[in-house]
Amino acid sequence: MKHDHLSKMIGGWFIGDFQPTVAQTGDFEVAVKRYKSGDREAAHHHRLAEEITVIATGRVRMCDREFGEGDIVHLDRGDSTSFEALEDTITVVVKWPSVRGDKYLD
């Protein structure tokens, strides 16, 4: 058995081809991310990876639309989005493959 804690990970990312991680793989990445109301991320896209974001709690703006608890947003390669937490929010994010440097600001 192994044990770790999300607080030791960077930005909530805990599986993928980076350090620190609890399981290193190039196949995919997984994160649990916490945002305070008003937190933002700049518009960006991935050229090689797809990304799925589940809104576990809270409300956000992505792709110029509002999403709330239970919504699942699937971004294909090349799809661009910014991110704004409209309330305190927790997301679960899966991205595949895990490709270092595959994040491009728009």
C-alpha atoms as a PDB file:
ATOM      1  CA  MET A   1       0.000   0.000   0.000  1.00  0.00           C
ATOM      2  CA  LYS A   2       1.091   3.533  -0.736  1.00  0.00           C
ATOM      3  CA  HIS A   3      -0.300   6.737   0.726  1.00  0.00           C
ATOM      4  CA  ASP A   4       0.019  10.366  -0.308  1.00  0.00           C
ATOM      5  CA  HIS A   5      -2.027  13.552  -0.012  1.00  0.00           C
ATOM      6  CA  LEU A   6      -3.494  15.904  -2.594  1.00  0.00           C
ATOM      7  CA  SER A   7      -1.899  18.861  -0.792  1.00  0.00           C
ATOM      8  CA  LYS A   8       1.525  17.568  -1.889  1.00  0.00           C
ATOM      9  CA  MET A   9       0.568  17.609  -5.566  1.00  0.00           C
ATOM     10  CA  ILE A  10       0.869  20.629  -7.871  1.00  0.00           C
ATOM     11  CA  GLY A  11      -2.416  22.227  -8.900  1.00  0.00           C
ATOM     12  CA  GLY A  12      -4.383  19.125  -7.913  1.00  0.00           C
ATOM     13  CA  TRP A  13      -2.730  16.940 -10.573  1.00  0.00           C
ATOM     14  CA  PHE A  14      -1.927  13.542  -9.068  1.00  0.00           C
ATOM     15  CA  ILE A  15      -1.597  11.079 -11.991  1.00  0.00           C
ATOM     16  CA  GLY A  16       0.418  11.730 -15.156  1.00  0.00           C
ATOM     17  CA  ASP A  17       3.837  12.185 -16.712  1.00  0.00           C
ATOM     18  CA  PHE A  18       5.134  14.777 -14.216  1.00  0.00           C
ATOM     19  CA  GLN A  19       6.438  15.060 -10.674  1.00  0.00           C
ATOM     20  CA  PRO A  20       5.188  14.848  -8.025  1.00  0.00           C
ATOM     21  CA  THR A  21       2.668  12.135  -8.893  1.00  0.00           C
ATOM     22  CA  VAL A  22       1.232   9.054  -7.231  1.00  0.00           C
ATOM     23  CA  ALA A  23       1.274   7.122 -10.520  1.00  0.00           C
ATOM     24  CA  GLN A  24       3.560   8.145 -13.368  1.00  0.00           C
ATOM     25  CA  THR A  25       2.140   7.459 -16.826  1.00  0.00           C
ATOM     26  CA  GLY A  26       2.128   9.085 -20.224  1.00  0.00           C
ATOM     27  CA  ASP A  27      -1.296   7.635 -20.978  1.00  0.00           C
ATOM     28  CA  PHE A  28      -3.405  10.184 -19.085  1.00  0.00           C
ATOM     29  CA  GLU A  29      -3.530  12.801 -16.320  1.00  0.00           C
ATOM     30  CA  VAL A  30      -6.021  13.179 -13.465  1.00  0.00           C
ATOM     31  CA  ALA A  31      -6.609  16.126 -11.133  1.00  0.00           C
ATOM     32  CA  VAL A  32      -8.968  17.263  -8.410  1.00  0.00           C
ATOM     33  CA  LYS A  33      -8.877  21.043  -8.497  1.00  0.00           C
ATOM     34  CA  ARG A  34     -10.292  23.532  -5.992  1.00  0.00           C
ATOM     35  CA  TYR A  35     -11.171  27.089  -6.949  1.00  0.00           C
ATOM     36  CA  LYS A  36     -12.415  30.080  -4.973  1.00  0.00           C
ATOM     37  CA  SER A  37     -15.163  32.206  -6.481  1.00  0.00           C
ATOM     38  CA  GLY A  38     -13.534  34.611  -8.939  1.00  0.00           C
ATOM     39  CA  ASP A  39     -10.501  32.429  -9.715  1.00  0.00           C
ATOM     40  CA  ARG A  40      -9.635  32.483 -13.406  1.00  0.00           C
ATOM     41  CA  GLU A  41      -7.425  30.695 -15.889  1.00  0.00           C
ATOM     42  CA  ALA A  42      -6.388  32.251 -19.194  1.00  0.00           C
ATOM     43  CA  ALA A  43      -7.746  30.881 -22.460  1.00  0.00           C
ATOM     44  CA  HIS A  44      -5.670  27.962 -23.684  1.00  0.00           C
ATOM     45  CA  HIS A  45      -5.840  24.820 -25.784  1.00  0.00           C
ATOM     46  CA  HIS A  46      -4.041  21.516 -26.178  1.00  0.00           C
ATOM     47  CA  ARG A  47      -2.731  20.432 -29.577  1.00  0.00           C
ATOM     48  CA  LEU A  48      -2.294  16.756 -28.729  1.00  0.00           C
ATOM     49  CA  ALA A  49      -4.573  16.036 -25.780  1.00  0.00           C
ATOM     50  CA  GLU A  50      -8.299  15.890 -25.078  1.00  0.00           C
ATOM     51  CA  GLU A  51      -9.616  16.978 -21.697  1.00  0.00           C
ATOM     52  CA  ILE A  52     -12.762  16.210 -19.743  1.00  0.00           C
ATOM     53  CA  THR A  53     -13.770  18.397 -16.795  1.00  0.00           C
ATOM     54  CA  VAL A  54     -16.465  17.300 -14.350  1.00  0.00           C
ATOM     55  CA  ILE A  55     -17.949  20.036 -12.176  1.00  0.00           C
ATOM     56  CA  ALA A  56     -18.186  18.175  -8.859  1.00  0.00           C
ATOM     57  CA  THR A  57     -19.431  21.210  -6.911  1.00  0.00           C
ATOM     58  CA  GLY A  58     -19.942  24.870  -7.733  1.00  0.00           C
ATOM     59  CA  ARG A  59     -20.507  26.825 -10.917  1.00  0.00           C
ATOM     60  CA  VAL A  60     -18.058  27.870 -13.654  1.00  0.00           C
ATOM     61  CA  ARG A  61     -17.819  29.608 -17.004  1.00  0.00           C
ATOM     62  CA  MET A  62     -16.049  27.683 -19.768  1.00  0.00           C
ATOM     63  CA  CYS A  63     -16.413  28.070 -23.549  1.00  0.00           C
ATOM     64  CA  ASP A  64     -18.539  31.192 -22.923  1.00  0.00           C
ATOM     65  CA  ARG A  65     -21.188  29.051 -21.169  1.00  0.00           C
ATOM     66  CA  GLU A  66     -22.111  28.418 -17.547  1.00  0.00           C
ATOM     67  CA  PHE A  67     -21.850  24.920 -16.102  1.00  0.00           C
ATOM     68  CA  GLY A  68     -22.780  23.598 -12.677  1.00  0.00           C
ATOM     69  CA  GLU A  69     -22.651  20.562 -10.448  1.00  0.00           C
ATOM     70  CA  GLY A  70     -22.739  17.340 -12.451  1.00  0.00           C
ATOM     71  CA  ASP A  71     -21.963  18.928 -15.822  1.00  0.00           C
ATOM     72  CA  ILE A  72     -19.245  17.272 -17.906  1.00  0.00           C
ATOM     73  CA  VAL A  73     -17.307  19.386 -20.425  1.00  0.00           C
ATOM     74  CA  HIS A  74     -15.328  17.470 -23.085  1.00  0.00           C
ATOM     75  CA  LEU A  75     -12.740  19.514 -24.975  1.00  0.00           C
ATOM     76  CA  ASP A  76     -11.319  17.957 -28.136  1.00  0.00           C
ATOM     77  CA  ARG A  77      -7.789  18.673 -29.313  1.00  0.00           C
ATOM     78  CA  GLY A  78      -7.560  22.300 -30.364  1.00  0.00           C
ATOM     79  CA  ASP A  79     -10.699  23.418 -28.504  1.00  0.00           C
ATOM     80  CA  SER A  80      -9.939  26.593 -26.593  1.00  0.00           C
ATOM     81  CA  THR A  81     -11.428  27.742 -23.322  1.00  0.00           C
ATOM     82  CA  SER A  82     -10.792  30.126 -20.501  1.00  0.00           C
ATOM     83  CA  PHE A  83     -12.052  29.260 -17.016  1.00  0.00           C
ATOM     84  CA  GLU A  84     -13.793  31.297 -14.343  1.00  0.00           C
ATOM     85  CA  ALA A  85     -15.138  29.994 -11.034  1.00  0.00           C
ATOM     86  CA  LEU A  86     -18.475  31.720 -10.451  1.00  0.00           C
ATOM     87  CA  GLU A  87     -18.712  30.076  -7.008  1.00  0.00           C
ATOM     88  CA  ASP A  88     -16.315  28.076  -4.868  1.00  0.00           C
ATOM     89  CA  THR A  89     -15.832  25.035  -7.100  1.00  0.00           C
ATOM     90  CA  ILE A  90     -14.270  21.588  -7.165  1.00  0.00           C
ATOM     91  CA  THR A  91     -13.542  19.937 -10.516  1.00  0.00           C
ATOM     92  CA  VAL A  92     -12.257  16.530 -11.534  1.00  0.00           C
ATOM     93  CA  VAL A  93     -10.178  16.679 -14.713  1.00  0.00           C
ATOM     94  CA  VAL A  94      -8.952  13.862 -16.962  1.00  0.00           C
ATOM     95  CA  LYS A  95      -6.605  14.647 -19.845  1.00  0.00           C
ATOM     96  CA  TRP A  96      -5.108  12.206 -22.340  1.00  0.00           C
ATOM     97  CA  PRO A  97      -2.443  11.597 -23.310  1.00  0.00           C
ATOM     98  CA  SER A  98      -0.178  13.138 -20.680  1.00  0.00           C
ATOM     99  CA  VAL A  99       2.078  15.307 -22.840  1.00  0.00           C
ATOM    100  CA  ARG A 100       4.477  17.742 -21.183  1.00  0.00           C
ATOM    101  CA  GLY A 101       4.262  21.249 -22.617  1.00  0.00           C
ATOM    102  CA  ASP A 102       0.988  20.656 -24.486  1.00  0.00           C
ATOM    103  CA  LYS A 103      -0.683  23.806 -23.161  1.00  0.00           C
ATOM    104  CA  TYR A 104      -0.828  26.832 -25.457  1.00  0.00           C
ATOM    105  CA  LEU A 105      -2.168  30.221 -24.409  1.00  0.00           C
ATOM    106  CA  ASP A 106      -4.512  31.824 -26.947  1.00  0.00           C
END
